[in-house]
N, C-alpha and C. Protein backbone atom coordinates (compact mmCIF):
# COMPACT_ATOMS: atom_id res chain seq x y z
N UNK A 1 96.00 97.19 78.09
CA UNK A 1 95.58 98.04 79.22
C UNK A 1 96.87 98.68 79.67
N UNK A 2 96.67 100.18 79.96
CA UNK A 2 97.64 100.82 80.62
C UNK A 2 97.98 100.25 82.07
N UNK A 3 99.22 100.67 82.44
CA UNK A 3 99.73 100.25 83.83
C UNK A 3 100.99 100.73 83.79
N UNK A 4 101.83 99.95 84.88
CA UNK A 4 103.20 100.29 85.44
C UNK A 4 103.86 99.14 85.26
N UNK A 5 105.09 99.25 84.67
CA UNK A 5 106.08 98.17 84.69
C UNK A 5 107.15 98.48 85.66
N UNK A 6 107.26 97.86 86.78
CA UNK A 6 108.38 98.19 87.84
C UNK A 6 109.83 97.69 87.24
N UNK A 7 110.70 98.64 87.74
CA UNK A 7 111.97 98.34 87.24
C UNK A 7 112.83 97.85 88.48
N UNK A 8 114.23 97.41 88.29
CA UNK A 8 115.07 97.10 89.29
C UNK A 8 115.11 98.03 90.39
N UNK A 9 115.15 97.71 91.52
CA UNK A 9 115.17 98.69 92.69
C UNK A 9 115.82 97.90 94.13
N UNK A 10 116.56 98.84 94.67
CA UNK A 10 117.29 98.39 96.22
C UNK A 10 116.57 99.26 97.20
N UNK A 11 115.53 99.87 96.81
CA UNK A 11 114.67 100.53 97.99
C UNK A 11 113.04 100.05 97.77
N UNK A 12 112.38 100.11 98.91
CA UNK A 12 110.87 99.81 98.81
C UNK A 12 110.30 100.42 97.67
N UNK A 13 109.34 99.64 96.94
CA UNK A 13 108.43 100.10 95.96
C UNK A 13 107.13 100.28 96.45
N UNK A 14 106.73 101.55 96.49
CA UNK A 14 105.46 102.02 97.18
C UNK A 14 104.54 102.06 96.03
N UNK A 15 103.58 101.30 95.76
CA UNK A 15 102.40 101.41 94.72
C UNK A 15 101.66 102.57 94.54
N UNK A 16 101.38 103.19 95.53
CA UNK A 16 100.82 104.42 95.77
C UNK A 16 101.32 105.61 95.12
N UNK A 17 102.77 105.47 94.91
CA UNK A 17 103.46 106.58 94.40
C UNK A 17 103.64 106.59 92.96
N UNK A 18 103.15 105.82 92.32
CA UNK A 18 103.15 105.80 90.88
C UNK A 18 101.77 106.37 90.17
N UNK A 19 101.93 107.32 89.52
CA UNK A 19 100.85 107.98 88.81
C UNK A 19 100.18 107.18 87.78
N UNK A 20 100.81 106.43 87.16
CA UNK A 20 100.31 105.58 85.98
C UNK A 20 99.55 104.53 86.56
N UNK A 21 99.81 104.02 87.84
CA UNK A 21 98.97 103.11 88.56
C UNK A 21 98.81 101.76 88.04
N UNK A 22 97.62 101.20 88.54
CA UNK A 22 97.24 99.60 88.23
C UNK A 22 97.13 99.59 86.77
N UNK A 23 97.28 98.25 86.22
CA UNK A 23 97.97 97.12 86.89
C UNK A 23 99.33 97.37 86.94
N UNK A 24 100.13 96.59 87.85
CA UNK A 24 101.53 96.76 87.87
C UNK A 24 102.17 95.26 87.63
N UNK A 25 103.33 95.34 86.90
CA UNK A 25 104.00 94.09 86.48
C UNK A 25 105.55 94.35 86.84
N UNK A 26 105.97 93.08 87.22
CA UNK A 26 107.49 92.82 87.46
C UNK A 26 107.96 91.91 86.38
N UNK A 27 108.89 92.30 85.52
CA UNK A 27 109.35 91.20 84.35
C UNK A 27 110.33 90.30 84.81
N UNK A 28 110.58 89.31 84.02
CA UNK A 28 111.26 88.20 84.43
C UNK A 28 112.82 88.60 84.70
N UNK A 29 113.38 89.69 84.35
CA UNK A 29 114.53 90.16 84.36
C UNK A 29 114.80 91.12 85.55
N UNK A 30 113.75 91.40 86.17
CA UNK A 30 113.83 92.69 87.22
C UNK A 30 113.89 91.99 88.42
N UNK A 31 114.76 92.69 89.45
CA UNK A 31 115.05 92.40 90.76
C UNK A 31 114.78 93.65 91.78
N UNK A 32 113.86 93.34 92.66
CA UNK A 32 113.63 94.43 93.65
C UNK A 32 114.00 93.70 94.97
N UNK A 33 115.20 94.04 95.33
CA UNK A 33 115.60 93.48 96.42
C UNK A 33 115.99 94.59 97.44
N UNK A 34 115.66 94.66 98.70
CA UNK A 34 115.95 95.81 99.56
C UNK A 34 117.08 95.72 100.27
N UNK A 35 117.96 96.81 100.19
CA UNK A 35 119.37 96.59 100.84
C UNK A 35 119.44 97.38 102.22
N UNK A 36 118.32 97.77 102.80
CA UNK A 36 118.43 98.67 104.15
C UNK A 36 117.45 97.90 105.07
N UNK A 37 117.89 97.74 106.21
CA UNK A 37 117.01 97.20 107.10
C UNK A 37 115.54 97.41 107.36
N UNK A 38 114.66 96.51 107.39
CA UNK A 38 113.24 96.68 107.61
C UNK A 38 112.44 97.00 106.48
N UNK A 39 113.07 96.98 105.21
CA UNK A 39 112.29 97.52 103.97
C UNK A 39 111.50 96.55 103.33
N UNK A 40 110.14 96.72 103.04
CA UNK A 40 109.34 95.82 102.42
C UNK A 40 109.67 95.90 101.05
N UNK A 41 109.56 94.75 100.23
CA UNK A 41 109.98 94.85 98.65
C UNK A 41 108.98 95.68 97.90
N UNK A 42 107.67 95.34 97.85
CA UNK A 42 106.76 95.95 97.35
C UNK A 42 105.33 96.16 98.31
N UNK A 43 104.92 97.47 98.35
CA UNK A 43 104.06 97.75 99.31
C UNK A 43 102.88 98.34 98.67
N UNK A 44 101.70 98.03 98.94
CA UNK A 44 100.44 98.55 98.52
C UNK A 44 99.64 98.76 99.71
N UNK A 45 99.17 100.07 99.89
CA UNK A 45 98.44 100.62 101.10
C UNK A 45 97.05 100.08 100.86
N UNK A 46 96.15 100.64 101.71
CA UNK A 46 94.71 100.23 101.73
C UNK A 46 93.88 101.27 100.78
N UNK A 47 94.61 102.10 100.03
CA UNK A 47 93.82 103.16 99.17
C UNK A 47 93.06 102.58 98.09
N UNK A 48 93.42 101.41 97.50
CA UNK A 48 92.76 100.87 96.39
C UNK A 48 93.11 99.24 96.28
N UNK A 49 92.36 98.75 95.48
CA UNK A 49 92.55 97.28 95.20
C UNK A 49 93.67 97.12 94.18
N UNK A 50 95.00 96.60 94.60
CA UNK A 50 96.18 96.59 93.65
C UNK A 50 95.99 95.33 92.90
N UNK A 51 96.60 95.40 91.75
CA UNK A 51 96.85 94.26 90.69
C UNK A 51 98.31 94.36 90.41
N UNK A 52 98.97 93.16 90.84
CA UNK A 52 100.42 93.03 90.61
C UNK A 52 100.62 91.43 90.07
N UNK A 53 101.45 91.54 88.90
CA UNK A 53 102.00 90.38 88.37
C UNK A 53 103.47 90.29 88.47
N UNK A 54 103.95 89.36 89.17
CA UNK A 54 105.33 89.11 89.19
C UNK A 54 106.02 87.90 88.46
N UNK A 55 106.91 88.14 87.69
CA UNK A 55 107.81 87.03 87.09
C UNK A 55 109.17 87.18 87.29
N UNK A 56 109.63 88.28 88.16
CA UNK A 56 110.87 88.62 88.54
C UNK A 56 111.24 87.91 89.95
N UNK A 57 112.10 88.87 90.62
CA UNK A 57 112.49 88.54 92.06
C UNK A 57 112.40 89.63 92.83
N UNK A 58 111.54 89.31 93.88
CA UNK A 58 110.99 90.39 94.99
C UNK A 58 111.66 89.79 96.41
N UNK A 59 112.38 90.80 97.03
CA UNK A 59 112.65 90.39 98.39
C UNK A 59 112.65 91.55 99.25
N UNK A 60 112.14 91.22 100.57
CA UNK A 60 112.13 92.16 101.56
C UNK A 60 113.57 92.24 102.19
N UNK A 61 113.85 93.07 102.99
CA UNK A 61 115.22 93.26 103.69
C UNK A 61 115.34 92.27 104.86
N UNK A 62 116.67 92.45 105.26
CA UNK A 62 116.99 91.82 106.73
C UNK A 62 116.13 92.58 107.94
N UNK A 63 116.05 92.24 108.99
CA UNK A 63 115.37 92.93 110.06
C UNK A 63 116.11 94.19 110.66
N UNK A 64 115.19 94.98 110.99
CA UNK A 64 115.53 96.26 111.61
C UNK A 64 114.74 96.62 112.91
N UNK A 65 115.26 97.27 113.93
CA UNK A 65 114.42 97.69 114.90
C UNK A 65 114.31 96.56 115.97
N UNK A 66 115.45 96.65 116.98
CA UNK A 66 115.28 95.59 118.20
C UNK A 66 114.34 95.86 119.14
N UNK A 67 113.79 94.94 119.91
CA UNK A 67 112.96 94.98 121.14
C UNK A 67 113.49 94.28 122.12
N UNK A 68 113.86 94.89 123.17
CA UNK A 68 114.40 93.96 124.14
C UNK A 68 115.53 93.10 123.78
N UNK A 69 115.33 91.72 124.19
CA UNK A 69 116.39 90.67 124.06
C UNK A 69 116.14 90.01 122.67
N UNK A 70 115.19 90.41 121.95
CA UNK A 70 114.92 89.67 120.74
C UNK A 70 115.28 90.38 119.53
N UNK A 71 115.99 89.85 118.60
CA UNK A 71 116.52 90.51 117.53
C UNK A 71 115.77 91.14 116.59
N UNK A 72 116.22 91.63 115.40
CA UNK A 72 115.57 92.52 114.49
C UNK A 72 114.61 91.56 113.73
N UNK A 73 113.26 91.84 113.47
CA UNK A 73 112.30 91.09 112.78
C UNK A 73 112.62 91.49 111.44
N UNK A 74 112.34 90.73 110.44
CA UNK A 74 112.60 91.10 109.02
C UNK A 74 111.27 91.48 108.25
N UNK A 75 111.48 92.09 107.13
CA UNK A 75 110.50 92.68 106.51
C UNK A 75 109.89 91.66 105.49
N UNK A 76 108.59 92.11 104.64
CA UNK A 76 107.86 91.35 103.82
C UNK A 76 108.28 91.47 102.45
N UNK A 77 108.18 90.51 101.50
CA UNK A 77 108.44 90.62 100.25
C UNK A 77 107.31 91.42 99.37
N UNK A 78 106.02 91.02 99.50
CA UNK A 78 105.07 91.70 98.97
C UNK A 78 104.08 91.93 100.03
N UNK A 79 103.55 93.05 100.40
CA UNK A 79 102.53 93.54 101.28
C UNK A 79 101.46 94.25 100.69
N UNK A 80 100.19 93.63 100.47
CA UNK A 80 99.04 94.24 99.84
C UNK A 80 97.98 94.45 100.93
N UNK A 81 97.78 95.55 101.14
CA UNK A 81 96.81 95.87 102.43
C UNK A 81 95.40 95.77 102.07
N UNK A 82 94.98 96.22 100.64
CA UNK A 82 93.48 96.32 100.41
C UNK A 82 92.97 94.71 100.23
N UNK A 83 91.94 94.35 100.87
CA UNK A 83 91.58 93.12 100.82
C UNK A 83 91.10 92.69 99.49
N UNK A 84 90.71 93.49 98.44
CA UNK A 84 90.40 93.24 97.30
C UNK A 84 91.53 93.17 96.17
N UNK A 85 92.76 93.13 96.76
CA UNK A 85 93.98 93.14 95.84
C UNK A 85 94.16 91.75 95.08
N UNK A 86 94.75 91.64 94.00
CA UNK A 86 95.21 90.54 93.36
C UNK A 86 96.69 90.40 92.98
N UNK A 87 97.34 89.22 93.34
CA UNK A 87 98.71 88.86 93.09
C UNK A 87 98.83 87.64 92.29
N UNK A 88 99.56 87.89 91.15
CA UNK A 88 99.71 86.63 90.47
C UNK A 88 101.26 86.50 90.28
N UNK A 89 101.89 85.28 90.84
CA UNK A 89 103.29 85.15 90.92
C UNK A 89 103.83 84.03 90.15
N UNK A 90 104.78 84.20 89.14
CA UNK A 90 105.45 82.95 88.53
C UNK A 90 106.95 83.22 88.71
N UNK A 91 107.20 84.16 89.73
CA UNK A 91 108.98 84.47 89.82
C UNK A 91 109.12 83.96 91.26
N UNK A 92 109.85 84.73 91.94
CA UNK A 92 110.41 84.62 93.14
C UNK A 92 109.94 85.63 94.17
N UNK A 93 109.34 85.24 95.37
CA UNK A 93 109.00 86.40 96.38
C UNK A 93 109.48 85.84 97.77
N UNK A 94 110.35 86.63 98.44
CA UNK A 94 110.90 86.27 99.72
C UNK A 94 111.00 87.52 100.80
N UNK A 95 110.67 86.97 102.00
CA UNK A 95 110.86 87.97 103.17
C UNK A 95 112.25 87.91 103.56
N UNK A 96 112.71 88.87 104.22
CA UNK A 96 113.94 89.02 104.66
C UNK A 96 114.30 88.01 105.81
N UNK A 97 115.62 87.86 106.15
CA UNK A 97 115.98 87.10 107.37
C UNK A 97 116.04 87.99 108.73
N UNK A 98 115.70 87.34 109.87
CA UNK A 98 115.95 87.99 111.10
C UNK A 98 117.23 87.92 111.40
N UNK A 99 117.66 89.11 112.09
CA UNK A 99 119.14 89.15 112.51
C UNK A 99 119.11 89.43 114.20
N UNK A 100 120.29 89.27 114.75
CA UNK A 100 120.74 89.64 115.95
C UNK A 100 121.21 90.93 115.97
N UNK A 101 121.04 91.74 117.13
CA UNK A 101 121.91 92.88 117.30
C UNK A 101 122.81 92.53 118.32
N UNK A 102 123.72 93.54 118.63
CA UNK A 102 124.69 93.24 119.63
C UNK A 102 124.16 93.14 121.10
N UNK A 103 122.77 93.52 121.21
CA UNK A 103 122.25 93.19 122.60
C UNK A 103 121.31 92.11 122.61
N UNK A 104 121.14 91.33 121.64
CA UNK A 104 120.06 90.35 121.60
C UNK A 104 120.63 88.95 121.98
N UNK A 105 119.72 88.13 122.50
CA UNK A 105 119.94 86.84 122.82
C UNK A 105 119.29 85.85 121.92
N UNK A 106 118.59 86.30 121.05
CA UNK A 106 117.84 85.63 120.00
C UNK A 106 117.55 86.28 118.73
N UNK A 107 117.72 85.70 117.52
CA UNK A 107 117.34 86.27 116.17
C UNK A 107 116.01 86.80 116.08
N UNK A 108 115.76 87.87 115.45
CA UNK A 108 114.35 88.34 115.31
C UNK A 108 113.76 87.35 114.21
N UNK A 109 112.45 87.41 114.15
CA UNK A 109 111.66 86.75 113.29
C UNK A 109 111.92 86.98 111.78
N UNK A 110 112.05 85.86 111.14
CA UNK A 110 112.02 86.05 109.69
C UNK A 110 110.91 86.69 108.96
N UNK A 111 110.97 87.51 107.90
CA UNK A 111 109.93 87.87 107.25
C UNK A 111 109.07 87.15 106.43
N UNK A 112 107.95 87.36 106.13
CA UNK A 112 107.02 86.58 105.16
C UNK A 112 107.13 86.90 103.70
N UNK A 113 107.05 86.11 102.83
CA UNK A 113 106.99 86.33 101.28
C UNK A 113 105.93 87.23 101.09
N UNK A 114 104.72 86.90 101.44
CA UNK A 114 103.57 87.59 100.97
C UNK A 114 102.48 87.72 102.00
N UNK A 115 101.96 88.99 102.06
CA UNK A 115 101.03 89.42 103.17
C UNK A 115 100.01 90.09 102.41
N UNK A 116 98.61 89.53 102.65
CA UNK A 116 97.47 90.14 102.06
C UNK A 116 96.61 90.32 102.99
N UNK A 117 96.05 91.46 103.38
CA UNK A 117 94.94 91.71 104.35
C UNK A 117 93.50 91.04 103.93
N UNK A 118 92.81 90.80 104.98
CA UNK A 118 91.47 90.46 104.79
C UNK A 118 91.36 89.11 104.00
N UNK A 119 90.25 88.84 103.53
CA UNK A 119 90.00 87.40 102.90
C UNK A 119 89.36 87.49 101.45
N UNK A 120 89.08 88.77 100.80
CA UNK A 120 88.53 88.86 99.53
C UNK A 120 89.65 88.96 98.43
N UNK A 121 90.82 88.96 98.71
CA UNK A 121 91.91 89.07 97.40
C UNK A 121 92.13 87.87 96.95
N UNK A 122 93.05 87.78 95.94
CA UNK A 122 93.30 86.74 95.16
C UNK A 122 94.62 86.46 94.95
N UNK A 123 95.47 85.32 95.26
CA UNK A 123 96.72 84.99 95.13
C UNK A 123 96.81 83.81 94.30
N UNK A 124 97.65 84.03 93.15
CA UNK A 124 97.68 82.94 92.39
C UNK A 124 99.25 82.59 92.26
N UNK A 125 99.83 81.48 92.55
CA UNK A 125 101.12 81.21 92.73
C UNK A 125 101.46 80.10 91.92
N UNK A 126 102.41 80.24 90.91
CA UNK A 126 103.15 79.34 89.99
C UNK A 126 104.65 79.40 90.07
N UNK A 127 105.06 80.26 91.05
CA UNK A 127 106.40 80.38 91.21
C UNK A 127 106.78 79.98 92.77
N UNK A 128 107.83 80.70 93.28
CA UNK A 128 108.42 80.31 94.54
C UNK A 128 108.10 81.40 95.67
N UNK A 129 107.55 81.15 96.75
CA UNK A 129 107.38 82.16 97.80
C UNK A 129 108.03 81.55 99.12
N UNK A 130 108.88 82.41 99.82
CA UNK A 130 109.54 81.92 101.01
C UNK A 130 109.39 82.93 101.92
């Protein structure tokens, strides 16, 4: 089956930007770890049902964007917006850590490992999600 094998990245991977399309896979030696504040590791918009298999490491970035006295909220590891998407994980997926800015009295919220909209999608986890 044709598809797209994702490679190491320090910037957000936007699935809709790949012409080869579904299904997508992250191999066991691949790391997608965002090094800029507020970046989601892998993002699938609502344009189609995404199919993603992860055996590697995917991590959202540390928080960015303060609001008032609360620190920077962190990003999501894998964010799939289409309710019919499928994610199979045997690797590691993590959201980023919330951080303080110089004006904050409390750290921002930590990010979530996986976010999937709606209730029709499928998430199979044999790995680690934090």
